[in-house]
Amino acid sequence: MRKIKLFLILLTAYCLLPTSVLAQGQAGTDIAVLKAGVGARPLGMGSAFTAIANNADAPYWNPAGLGFVSSNEITTAQTKLSTDADHYYLSYVRPALGGTLGVSWIQVGLGNISQNLATTDAYNEVQQVGIFSYFSNAYLLSYGKKLNDHISVGLTAKYLTSDMTSISGGQAWGWSVTPGILVKMNVGTGLVSVRTERTAVPTLERTATRAVPTLTIGLKIDELINWQKWGTDTTEQAPPKLRLGLAYKLSNPGLFSLDVSQILRSNYSPELSLGYEWAQNGLSLRVGYSDGGLTAGAGFQTGHARVDYAYVTQQALSKENVHRVSLSGVW
């Protein structure tokens, strides 16, 4: 416990450092294919998932969560972000090499986009000079390992590609690295005894036990090291983004989560995400807040199969609210 307390003190000091100090030498733009988020469960909780990351979505949200994943899991989703843009996602995790491995694929695609001249012809009609498509992919390879019952560490390496067909110099490739850590603590000691029913004998009582509340702290740095080069010989580097998450789990009323993220470059404000999940007998209900809008969701699991739904407001990606559905298998 002393080591955990020391870690938390150092973590707090790191998060309170001035952004301008952390941001020295950083420049560039964001990686677009990674903006939309993945997984209906995390998105339904307002994307406040850094301190949870306990399923096949962990390679994206926090690879350290893989260290506490002890089963095989696969999840997939396809979403219409807008009239032209499609979002595809597939992730598979399994215990291996003394920890847990994860392989994921994310794609954002826009098909058959018209390329028009800025002027019209003699009949005042727009002149179409061609049609092009855009596809951006991220291939994720992740590994997480539990150091002990309380701490897990992880790393996600991303290979990035972009292709604007029929556009000269519209092809790009690059890579990125995201490390993470997860710390779990029991808030209390032992088990709590709960009186459930009195028996006919006055001196006897039937009791049940429930686990004490659990506090989890997650930390990751997206794009800590990254690089992307276009066919025009232009090189882009996205500024790293620090994300700190807290999760507090009770047997009743449920799981609460909070994420605070900060782009490590000056003149950027912190972003806040909140989430809540109630789960019982295979049914889950969720609500959250992210990017200035509310989110909601639900999930249902039976046997080895699970389906999750999220209602998300992502104005930066679409003018309309987006429905996200994930299908998963666990064994």
Protein backbone atom coordinates (compact mmCIF):
# COMPACT_ATOMS: atom_id res chain seq x y z
CA MET A 1 0.00 0.00 0.00
CA ARG A 2 2.92 2.39 0.61
CA LYS A 3 4.10 1.87 -2.96
CA ILE A 4 0.60 2.57 -4.26
CA LYS A 5 0.36 5.78 -2.21
CA LEU A 6 3.76 6.90 -3.55
CA PHE A 7 2.62 6.21 -7.09
CA LEU A 8 -0.54 8.28 -6.58
CA ILE A 9 1.47 11.22 -5.22
CA LEU A 10 3.83 11.15 -8.21
CA LEU A 11 0.88 10.75 -10.58
CA THR A 12 -0.89 13.79 -9.11
CA ALA A 13 2.28 15.89 -9.36
CA TYR A 14 2.72 14.89 -12.99
CA CYS A 15 -0.86 15.84 -13.87
CA LEU A 16 -0.49 19.25 -12.22
CA LEU A 17 2.62 20.24 -14.18
CA PRO A 18 2.07 23.27 -16.42
CA THR A 19 0.97 22.24 -19.89
CA SER A 20 3.53 24.54 -21.50
CA VAL A 21 6.34 22.60 -19.81
CA LEU A 22 5.04 19.24 -20.99
CA ALA A 23 4.39 20.49 -24.50
CA GLN A 24 7.85 21.63 -25.50
CA GLY A 25 8.83 20.44 -28.96
CA GLN A 26 5.36 19.17 -29.91
CA ALA A 27 3.55 20.19 -33.09
CA GLY A 28 1.14 18.84 -35.67
CA THR A 29 -2.46 17.68 -35.97
CA ASP A 30 -4.70 15.01 -34.51
CA ILE A 31 -4.97 11.49 -35.94
CA ALA A 32 -8.43 11.56 -37.50
CA VAL A 33 -9.10 7.80 -37.65
CA LEU A 34 -8.82 7.55 -33.85
CA LYS A 35 -11.20 10.43 -33.02
CA ALA A 36 -14.54 8.62 -33.19
CA GLY A 37 -13.88 6.22 -30.31
CA VAL A 38 -14.73 2.51 -30.26
CA GLY A 39 -17.09 0.18 -28.43
CA ALA A 40 -20.73 0.86 -27.58
CA ARG A 41 -20.15 0.21 -23.87
CA PRO A 42 -17.41 2.87 -23.36
CA LEU A 43 -19.20 5.37 -25.62
CA GLY A 44 -22.48 4.90 -23.74
CA MET A 45 -20.58 5.83 -20.56
CA GLY A 46 -19.41 9.12 -22.03
CA SER A 47 -16.02 7.64 -23.05
CA ALA A 48 -14.99 7.65 -19.36
CA PHE A 49 -13.33 4.23 -19.68
CA THR A 50 -9.63 4.75 -18.94
CA ALA A 51 -9.88 3.29 -15.43
CA ILE A 52 -12.20 0.42 -16.52
CA ALA A 53 -10.84 -1.04 -19.81
CA ASN A 54 -11.79 -4.61 -18.86
CA ASN A 55 -12.91 -5.99 -22.22
CA ALA A 56 -11.85 -6.22 -25.87
CA ASP A 57 -12.01 -2.42 -26.14
CA ALA A 58 -8.98 -2.11 -23.82
CA PRO A 59 -6.35 -1.82 -26.62
CA TYR A 60 -7.92 1.52 -27.55
CA TRP A 61 -8.99 2.90 -24.15
CA ASN A 62 -6.12 1.70 -21.95
CA PRO A 63 -3.84 -1.26 -22.81
CA ALA A 64 -3.00 -1.72 -19.11
CA GLY A 65 -6.54 -3.04 -18.63
CA LEU A 66 -5.54 -6.12 -20.60
CA GLY A 67 -3.49 -7.29 -17.63
CA PHE A 68 -6.73 -7.96 -15.73
CA VAL A 69 -8.48 -9.66 -18.69
CA SER A 70 -8.31 -13.45 -18.26
CA SER A 71 -10.65 -14.64 -21.05
CA ASN A 72 -10.79 -14.58 -24.83
CA GLU A 73 -13.01 -11.89 -26.29
CA ILE A 74 -13.85 -10.55 -29.73
CA THR A 75 -15.96 -7.50 -30.55
CA THR A 76 -17.00 -5.79 -33.77
CA ALA A 77 -19.02 -2.76 -34.88
CA GLN A 78 -19.99 -0.88 -38.04
CA THR A 79 -21.39 2.64 -37.79
CA LYS A 80 -22.68 5.30 -40.17
CA LEU A 81 -21.07 8.48 -38.86
CA SER A 82 -22.65 10.67 -41.53
CA THR A 83 -24.17 10.45 -45.01
CA ASP A 84 -20.78 9.63 -46.55
CA ALA A 85 -18.60 8.35 -43.69
CA ASP A 86 -18.53 4.76 -42.41
CA HIS A 87 -16.72 3.56 -39.29
CA TYR A 88 -15.53 -0.05 -38.95
CA TYR A 89 -14.06 -1.68 -35.85
CA LEU A 90 -12.82 -5.15 -34.93
CA SER A 91 -10.86 -6.22 -31.84
CA TYR A 92 -9.69 -9.55 -30.41
CA VAL A 93 -7.90 -10.19 -27.11
CA ARG A 94 -6.58 -13.37 -25.51
CA PRO A 95 -4.28 -14.36 -22.62
CA ALA A 96 -0.77 -15.08 -23.89
CA LEU A 97 2.93 -14.59 -23.08
CA GLY A 98 2.32 -14.19 -19.37
CA GLY A 99 -0.22 -11.41 -19.93
CA THR A 100 -2.91 -10.62 -22.50
CA LEU A 101 -2.48 -9.75 -26.18
CA GLY A 102 -4.83 -7.62 -28.26
CA VAL A 103 -5.17 -7.07 -32.01
CA SER A 104 -7.54 -4.39 -33.33
CA TRP A 105 -8.50 -2.69 -36.60
CA ILE A 106 -10.25 0.67 -37.06
CA GLN A 107 -11.26 2.25 -40.37
CA VAL A 108 -13.01 5.45 -41.42
CA GLY A 109 -14.04 5.43 -45.07
CA LEU A 110 -15.70 7.91 -47.40
CA GLY A 111 -16.69 6.57 -50.80
CA ASN A 112 -17.47 8.20 -54.16
CA ILE A 113 -16.84 11.83 -53.26
CA SER A 114 -17.28 14.20 -56.21
CA GLN A 115 -14.42 16.52 -57.10
CA ASN A 116 -15.90 19.67 -58.68
CA LEU A 117 -14.54 22.88 -60.16
CA ALA A 118 -15.12 26.09 -58.24
CA THR A 119 -16.76 27.65 -61.33
CA THR A 120 -19.85 26.58 -63.32
CA ASP A 121 -20.20 25.98 -67.06
CA ALA A 122 -22.16 28.03 -69.60
CA TYR A 123 -25.39 26.45 -68.39
CA ASN A 124 -24.64 27.43 -64.75
CA GLU A 125 -24.08 23.79 -63.78
CA VAL A 126 -21.33 22.47 -61.53
CA GLN A 127 -18.54 20.78 -63.48
CA GLN A 128 -17.44 17.43 -62.08
CA VAL A 129 -13.85 16.57 -62.87
CA GLY A 130 -13.57 13.32 -60.97
CA ILE A 131 -14.60 11.05 -58.12
CA PHE A 132 -12.33 9.98 -55.31
CA SER A 133 -12.58 7.95 -52.10
CA TYR A 134 -10.84 8.28 -48.76
CA PHE A 135 -9.89 5.44 -46.39
CA SER A 136 -7.96 5.79 -43.15
CA ASN A 137 -6.90 2.72 -41.15
CA ALA A 138 -5.36 2.07 -37.74
CA TYR A 139 -3.94 -1.37 -36.90
CA LEU A 140 -3.38 -1.85 -33.16
CA LEU A 141 -1.13 -4.41 -31.46
CA SER A 142 -1.40 -4.35 -27.66
CA TYR A 143 -0.02 -6.15 -24.64
CA GLY A 144 -0.93 -5.83 -20.98
CA LYS A 145 0.57 -7.54 -17.94
CA LYS A 146 -0.53 -7.67 -14.31
CA LEU A 147 2.42 -6.97 -12.03
CA ASN A 148 0.48 -7.95 -8.90
CA ASP A 149 -3.13 -7.99 -7.69
CA HIS A 150 -3.24 -4.19 -7.75
CA ILE A 151 -1.13 -2.90 -10.66
CA SER A 152 -1.09 -3.61 -14.38
CA VAL A 153 0.86 -1.98 -17.22
CA GLY A 154 0.32 -2.06 -20.96
CA LEU A 155 1.38 -0.73 -24.35
CA THR A 156 -0.42 -0.26 -27.68
CA ALA A 157 1.52 0.17 -30.93
CA LYS A 158 -0.48 1.58 -33.88
CA TYR A 159 0.30 1.36 -37.59
CA LEU A 160 -1.54 4.09 -39.52
CA THR A 161 -2.43 4.38 -43.21
CA SER A 162 -4.46 6.86 -45.24
CA ASP A 163 -5.38 6.79 -48.92
CA MET A 164 -7.14 9.40 -51.04
CA THR A 165 -7.65 7.56 -54.30
CA SER A 166 -6.88 9.45 -57.52
CA ILE A 167 -5.32 12.31 -55.52
CA SER A 168 -1.61 12.89 -56.08
CA GLY A 169 0.24 12.74 -52.77
CA GLY A 170 -2.90 11.67 -50.96
CA GLN A 171 -1.36 8.57 -49.43
CA ALA A 172 0.21 8.39 -45.98
CA TRP A 173 1.61 5.93 -43.46
CA GLY A 174 2.88 6.22 -39.94
CA TRP A 175 2.94 4.80 -36.43
CA SER A 176 2.11 5.70 -32.86
CA VAL A 177 2.72 4.36 -29.35
CA THR A 178 0.37 4.59 -26.34
CA PRO A 179 1.48 3.36 -22.86
CA GLY A 180 -0.87 2.90 -19.92
CA ILE A 181 -1.08 1.90 -16.27
CA LEU A 182 -3.96 0.71 -14.08
CA VAL A 183 -4.09 0.61 -10.28
CA LYS A 184 -6.85 -1.15 -8.30
CA MET A 185 -7.53 -0.59 -4.62
CA ASN A 186 -10.12 -1.92 -2.20
CA VAL A 187 -11.69 0.93 -0.26
CA GLY A 188 -11.82 -0.85 3.11
CA THR A 189 -10.68 -4.23 4.38
CA GLY A 190 -12.11 -7.71 4.16
CA LEU A 191 -15.71 -8.49 3.32
CA VAL A 192 -18.83 -6.71 4.53
CA SER A 193 -21.40 -8.90 6.25
CA VAL A 194 -24.98 -8.02 5.33
CA ARG A 195 -27.99 -9.21 7.35
CA THR A 196 -30.54 -10.72 4.98
CA GLU A 197 -33.08 -12.63 7.08
CA ARG A 198 -33.83 -13.64 10.65
CA THR A 199 -34.43 -17.30 11.36
CA ALA A 200 -36.97 -18.79 13.74
CA VAL A 201 -34.24 -19.07 16.38
CA PRO A 202 -33.65 -15.59 17.86
CA THR A 203 -29.90 -16.05 18.26
CA LEU A 204 -29.32 -17.10 14.64
CA GLU A 205 -29.28 -14.95 11.53
CA ARG A 206 -28.69 -15.70 7.87
CA THR A 207 -26.11 -13.41 6.40
CA ALA A 208 -24.55 -12.78 3.02
CA THR A 209 -21.29 -11.15 2.08
CA ARG A 210 -20.49 -8.65 -0.59
CA ALA A 211 -17.15 -7.35 -1.81
CA VAL A 212 -15.99 -3.99 -0.51
CA PRO A 213 -16.10 -1.02 -2.90
CA THR A 214 -13.24 -0.83 -5.41
CA LEU A 215 -11.43 2.30 -6.60
CA THR A 216 -9.48 2.05 -9.85
CA ILE A 217 -7.10 4.65 -11.27
CA GLY A 218 -6.05 4.55 -14.92
CA LEU A 219 -3.52 6.62 -16.80
CA LYS A 220 -2.48 6.58 -20.45
CA ILE A 221 -0.72 8.90 -22.90
CA ASP A 222 -2.15 8.67 -26.41
CA GLU A 223 0.36 9.22 -29.21
CA LEU A 224 3.26 9.60 -26.79
CA ILE A 225 5.52 8.96 -29.78
CA ASN A 226 4.03 9.25 -33.27
CA TRP A 227 4.88 10.07 -36.86
CA GLN A 228 2.90 10.14 -40.11
CA LYS A 229 4.27 10.96 -43.58
CA TRP A 230 2.22 11.88 -46.67
CA GLY A 231 3.04 11.38 -50.33
CA THR A 232 3.72 15.11 -50.60
CA ASP A 233 6.71 14.59 -48.24
CA THR A 234 4.77 16.38 -45.49
CA THR A 235 5.34 14.88 -42.03
CA GLU A 236 2.72 15.21 -39.29
CA GLN A 237 3.07 14.67 -35.55
CA ALA A 238 0.04 14.73 -33.26
CA PRO A 239 0.59 16.24 -29.80
CA PRO A 240 0.46 13.61 -27.03
CA LYS A 241 -2.72 13.51 -24.99
CA LEU A 242 -2.69 12.63 -21.30
CA ARG A 243 -5.80 10.89 -19.98
CA LEU A 244 -6.41 10.24 -16.28
CA GLY A 245 -9.38 8.11 -15.22
CA LEU A 246 -11.07 7.17 -11.95
CA ALA A 247 -13.63 4.39 -11.48
CA TYR A 248 -15.55 3.58 -8.31
CA LYS A 249 -17.49 0.32 -8.17
CA LEU A 250 -20.21 -0.60 -5.68
CA SER A 251 -22.37 -3.71 -5.67
CA ASN A 252 -25.24 -1.24 -5.44
CA PRO A 253 -25.86 1.21 -7.09
CA GLY A 254 -23.18 0.42 -9.72
CA LEU A 255 -20.05 1.67 -11.50
CA PHE A 256 -19.13 5.37 -11.62
CA SER A 257 -16.32 6.70 -13.82
CA LEU A 258 -14.59 9.99 -14.56
CA ASP A 259 -11.94 10.87 -17.16
CA VAL A 260 -9.91 14.07 -17.47
CA SER A 261 -7.85 14.48 -20.63
CA GLN A 262 -5.35 17.15 -21.60
CA ILE A 263 -3.53 17.73 -24.89
CA LEU A 264 0.10 18.30 -23.96
CA ARG A 265 0.46 21.52 -25.86
CA SER A 266 -0.19 25.10 -24.77
CA ASN A 267 -3.55 26.84 -25.30
CA TYR A 268 -5.62 23.65 -24.92
CA SER A 269 -8.15 23.24 -22.11
CA PRO A 270 -8.76 19.97 -20.23
CA GLU A 271 -11.72 17.83 -21.31
CA LEU A 272 -14.06 16.08 -18.87
CA SER A 273 -16.00 12.83 -19.35
CA LEU A 274 -18.40 11.19 -16.89
CA GLY A 275 -20.02 7.77 -16.96
CA TYR A 276 -22.26 5.44 -14.97
CA GLU A 277 -23.23 1.78 -15.46
CA TRP A 278 -25.78 -0.35 -13.64
CA ALA A 279 -25.51 -4.09 -14.34
CA GLN A 280 -27.44 -7.09 -13.04
CA ASN A 281 -28.34 -10.54 -14.39
CA GLY A 282 -26.80 -9.86 -17.80
CA LEU A 283 -28.59 -6.53 -18.30
CA SER A 284 -26.72 -3.20 -18.26
CA LEU A 285 -27.94 0.39 -18.38
CA ARG A 286 -25.55 3.30 -18.96
CA VAL A 287 -25.45 7.08 -19.10
CA GLY A 288 -22.63 9.56 -19.60
CA TYR A 289 -21.40 13.00 -20.54
CA SER A 290 -18.72 13.85 -23.10
CA ASP A 291 -17.82 16.67 -25.52
CA GLY A 292 -20.57 18.86 -24.12
CA GLY A 293 -23.29 16.30 -24.81
CA LEU A 294 -25.08 13.45 -23.07
CA THR A 295 -24.71 9.78 -23.97
CA ALA A 296 -26.76 6.73 -23.04
CA GLY A 297 -26.65 3.02 -23.66
CA ALA A 298 -27.66 -0.49 -22.74
CA GLY A 299 -26.23 -3.98 -22.97
CA PHE A 300 -27.41 -7.56 -22.72
CA GLN A 301 -25.33 -10.70 -22.27
CA THR A 302 -26.44 -14.32 -22.46
CA GLY A 303 -24.01 -17.19 -22.42
CA HIS A 304 -20.96 -16.26 -24.48
CA ALA A 305 -22.66 -13.52 -26.52
CA ARG A 306 -23.18 -9.85 -25.71
CA VAL A 307 -24.75 -6.93 -27.55
CA ASP A 308 -24.22 -3.28 -26.55
CA TYR A 309 -25.91 -0.12 -27.79
CA ALA A 310 -24.93 3.55 -27.36
CA TYR A 311 -26.61 6.81 -28.27
CA VAL A 312 -23.84 9.36 -28.80
CA THR A 313 -23.73 13.07 -29.62
CA GLN A 314 -20.50 13.73 -31.55
CA GLN A 315 -20.91 17.11 -33.22
CA ALA A 316 -17.30 17.17 -34.35
CA LEU A 317 -17.93 14.04 -36.43
CA SER A 318 -21.56 14.34 -37.49
CA LYS A 319 -24.33 16.93 -37.48
CA GLU A 320 -26.72 14.28 -36.22
CA ASN A 321 -26.65 12.01 -33.17
CA VAL A 322 -24.98 8.68 -33.84
CA HIS A 323 -26.21 5.21 -32.86
CA ARG A 324 -23.41 2.75 -32.07
CA VAL A 325 -23.92 -1.01 -31.74
CA SER A 326 -21.27 -3.59 -30.77
CA LEU A 327 -21.51 -7.37 -30.99
CA SER A 328 -19.16 -9.40 -28.78
CA GLY A 329 -18.25 -12.98 -27.90
CA VAL A 330 -16.56 -14.02 -24.64
CA TRP A 331 -15.16 -17.47 -23.82
